Amino acid sequence: MKKEIATFAMGCFWTPQLVFSEIPGVLKTEVGYIGGNEKKYPNPSYEEVCSGRTGFAEAVQLTFDSEKIDYSELLNIFWKNHNPTEKNRQGNDIGSQYRSVIFYHNKRQKRSAEDSKKAMQKKLEKKIQTKIEKAGTFFRAEEYHQDFLKKRGQRYCHL
């Protein structure tokens, strides 16, 4: 087994966690916050992130077995499960905390993310708004957010 980490922001983190948790080869999923002002907000809370002032995005972080699933396959799932052409929103969720970002953990992931973004852009008429950024600290969200939909027997967020 070869464990790796992948981190994706694609709107509200509840549905992405459920989607990725069901993928063979994904060993663990957690939701949390990444990509914000770590000095001013060294341990961001959900309320702080929702304010839009922290710079953090809601994200899902995966631990996966790269011998069972390739990072490029995870990128395909990322693209298919949200609208990458919307800036700072997904559906009714509006704000920079809902932006689309691929947070890479090494040079290979960065290259794969860039290549997949170029390939996806060729398939879409609208410009992709997804950013590709080096992963900073991932702050695990409060426990009640972990596996939120699974705990409630839901497939999608209905809020």
Protein backbone atom coordinates (compact mmCIF):
# COMPACT_ATOMS: atom_id res chain seq x y z
CA MET A 1 0.00 0.00 0.00
CA LYS A 2 1.23 3.47 -0.90
CA LYS A 3 -0.61 6.17 1.05
CA GLU A 4 -0.93 9.68 -0.37
CA ILE A 5 -2.95 12.79 0.46
CA ALA A 6 -5.20 14.77 -1.90
CA THR A 7 -7.11 17.94 -1.00
CA PHE A 8 -9.97 19.47 -2.97
CA ALA A 9 -12.24 22.47 -2.41
CA MET A 10 -15.44 22.25 -4.43
CA GLY A 11 -18.16 24.13 -2.58
CA CYS A 12 -19.77 22.88 0.61
CA PHE A 13 -17.63 20.03 1.89
CA TRP A 14 -20.41 17.63 2.89
CA THR A 15 -21.25 16.16 -0.54
CA PRO A 16 -17.62 15.86 -1.72
CA GLN A 17 -16.77 13.93 1.43
CA LEU A 18 -19.57 11.46 0.77
CA VAL A 19 -18.63 11.10 -2.92
CA PHE A 20 -14.93 10.45 -2.25
CA SER A 21 -15.58 8.19 0.75
CA GLU A 22 -17.30 5.71 -1.57
CA ILE A 23 -14.40 5.44 -4.04
CA PRO A 24 -12.38 2.19 -3.85
CA GLY A 25 -8.82 3.03 -2.88
CA VAL A 26 -9.81 6.05 -0.78
CA LEU A 27 -8.87 5.04 2.75
CA LYS A 28 -10.03 8.07 4.73
CA THR A 29 -11.82 11.39 4.19
CA GLU A 30 -11.96 14.44 6.43
CA VAL A 31 -13.53 17.84 5.94
CA GLY A 32 -11.88 21.05 6.99
CA TYR A 33 -10.48 24.42 6.05
CA ILE A 34 -7.43 25.31 3.96
CA GLY A 35 -5.96 28.16 1.94
CA GLY A 36 -6.59 31.03 4.35
CA ASN A 37 -4.76 33.40 6.63
CA GLU A 38 -3.09 30.95 9.03
CA LYS A 39 -1.39 33.68 11.07
CA LYS A 40 -4.55 35.62 11.81
CA TYR A 41 -6.69 32.47 12.11
CA PRO A 42 -4.41 29.73 13.53
CA ASN A 43 -7.36 27.43 14.28
CA PRO A 44 -10.32 28.60 12.18
CA SER A 45 -13.85 27.76 13.23
CA TYR A 46 -16.81 27.13 10.94
CA GLU A 47 -18.32 30.46 11.96
CA GLU A 48 -15.10 32.31 11.14
CA VAL A 49 -14.76 30.59 7.76
CA CYS A 50 -18.43 31.32 6.94
CA SER A 51 -17.79 35.03 7.58
CA GLY A 52 -15.71 35.11 4.38
CA ARG A 53 -12.96 37.10 6.11
CA THR A 54 -10.48 34.28 6.77
CA GLY A 55 -9.57 33.36 3.21
CA PHE A 56 -10.12 29.67 4.01
CA ALA A 57 -12.06 27.34 1.72
CA GLU A 58 -14.19 24.41 2.81
CA ALA A 59 -12.36 21.32 1.56
CA VAL A 60 -12.17 17.56 1.70
CA GLN A 61 -8.84 15.87 2.38
CA LEU A 62 -8.37 12.28 1.28
CA THR A 63 -5.90 9.63 2.24
CA PHE A 64 -5.74 7.19 -0.65
CA ASP A 65 -3.81 4.14 -1.77
CA SER A 66 -2.13 5.22 -4.99
CA GLU A 67 -1.59 1.58 -5.91
CA LYS A 68 -5.39 1.17 -6.07
CA ILE A 69 -6.46 4.57 -7.43
CA ASP A 70 -4.39 7.06 -9.35
CA TYR A 71 -4.42 10.78 -8.49
CA SER A 72 -5.62 11.51 -12.05
CA GLU A 73 -8.74 9.42 -11.35
CA LEU A 74 -9.42 11.51 -8.25
CA LEU A 75 -9.08 14.63 -10.38
CA ASN A 76 -11.69 13.25 -12.79
CA ILE A 77 -14.07 12.75 -9.87
CA PHE A 78 -13.33 16.30 -8.69
CA TRP A 79 -14.23 17.80 -12.09
CA LYS A 80 -17.42 15.73 -12.47
CA ASN A 81 -18.86 16.55 -9.05
CA HIS A 82 -19.05 20.33 -9.05
CA ASN A 83 -19.21 23.28 -11.44
CA PRO A 84 -15.64 24.54 -11.91
CA THR A 85 -16.83 27.51 -13.99
CA GLU A 86 -18.50 29.25 -11.04
CA LYS A 87 -16.33 31.72 -9.15
CA ASN A 88 -16.61 31.76 -5.35
CA ARG A 89 -19.79 29.73 -5.29
CA GLN A 90 -21.46 26.41 -5.88
CA GLY A 91 -25.22 26.60 -6.38
CA ASN A 92 -26.79 28.51 -3.50
CA ASP A 93 -23.54 28.56 -1.50
CA ILE A 94 -21.91 31.91 -2.22
CA GLY A 95 -18.59 33.23 -0.94
CA SER A 96 -14.87 32.64 -1.28
CA GLN A 97 -15.12 29.77 1.22
CA TYR A 98 -16.97 27.83 -1.52
CA ARG A 99 -14.40 28.41 -4.26
CA SER A 100 -13.02 25.62 -6.43
CA VAL A 101 -9.38 24.75 -5.70
CA ILE A 102 -7.07 21.80 -6.20
CA PHE A 103 -4.50 21.93 -3.39
CA TYR A 104 -1.44 19.98 -4.45
CA HIS A 105 0.97 18.24 -2.09
CA ASN A 106 3.91 17.61 -4.44
CA LYS A 107 5.20 18.49 -7.91
CA ARG A 108 3.62 15.43 -9.51
CA GLN A 109 0.17 16.41 -8.20
CA LYS A 110 0.68 19.98 -9.40
CA ARG A 111 1.58 18.79 -12.90
CA SER A 112 -1.37 16.36 -12.99
CA ALA A 113 -3.75 19.08 -11.79
CA GLU A 114 -2.53 21.52 -14.44
CA ASP A 115 -2.80 18.91 -17.20
CA SER A 116 -6.29 17.86 -16.13
CA LYS A 117 -7.45 21.48 -15.96
CA LYS A 118 -6.24 22.10 -19.51
CA ALA A 119 -7.98 18.95 -20.73
CA MET A 120 -11.22 19.86 -18.94
CA GLN A 121 -11.17 23.42 -20.29
CA LYS A 122 -11.22 22.03 -23.84
CA LYS A 123 -14.54 20.34 -23.01
CA LEU A 124 -16.22 23.44 -21.57
CA GLU A 125 -17.42 26.67 -23.18
CA LYS A 126 -17.15 28.75 -20.00
CA LYS A 127 -13.79 29.56 -18.42
CA ILE A 128 -12.77 27.31 -15.54
CA GLN A 129 -12.41 29.29 -12.30
CA THR A 130 -10.66 26.51 -10.38
CA LYS A 131 -7.35 27.53 -8.87
CA ILE A 132 -4.38 25.20 -8.35
CA GLU A 133 -2.51 26.05 -5.16
CA LYS A 134 0.16 24.52 -2.96
CA ALA A 135 -1.47 22.93 0.07
CA GLY A 136 -0.93 24.73 3.34
CA THR A 137 -2.14 23.55 6.72
CA PHE A 138 -5.39 21.60 6.64
CA PHE A 139 -7.51 22.43 9.67
CA ARG A 140 -9.95 19.61 10.45
CA ALA A 141 -13.50 20.91 10.78
CA GLU A 142 -15.58 20.43 13.89
CA GLU A 143 -16.70 16.86 14.57
CA TYR A 144 -20.34 17.50 13.66
CA HIS A 145 -19.24 18.26 10.08
CA GLN A 146 -17.41 14.95 9.65
CA ASP A 147 -19.50 12.50 7.57
CA PHE A 148 -22.43 14.91 7.96
CA LEU A 149 -24.58 13.44 5.19
CA LYS A 150 -23.73 9.81 5.94
CA LYS A 151 -24.74 10.27 9.59
CA ARG A 152 -28.13 11.58 8.42
CA GLY A 153 -28.72 9.01 5.71
CA GLN A 154 -28.67 11.70 3.01
CA ARG A 155 -26.97 11.76 -0.40
CA TYR A 156 -27.03 15.52 -0.95
CA CYS A 157 -27.26 18.65 1.13
CA HIS A 158 -30.85 19.92 1.26
CA LEU A 159 -30.23 23.05 3.33
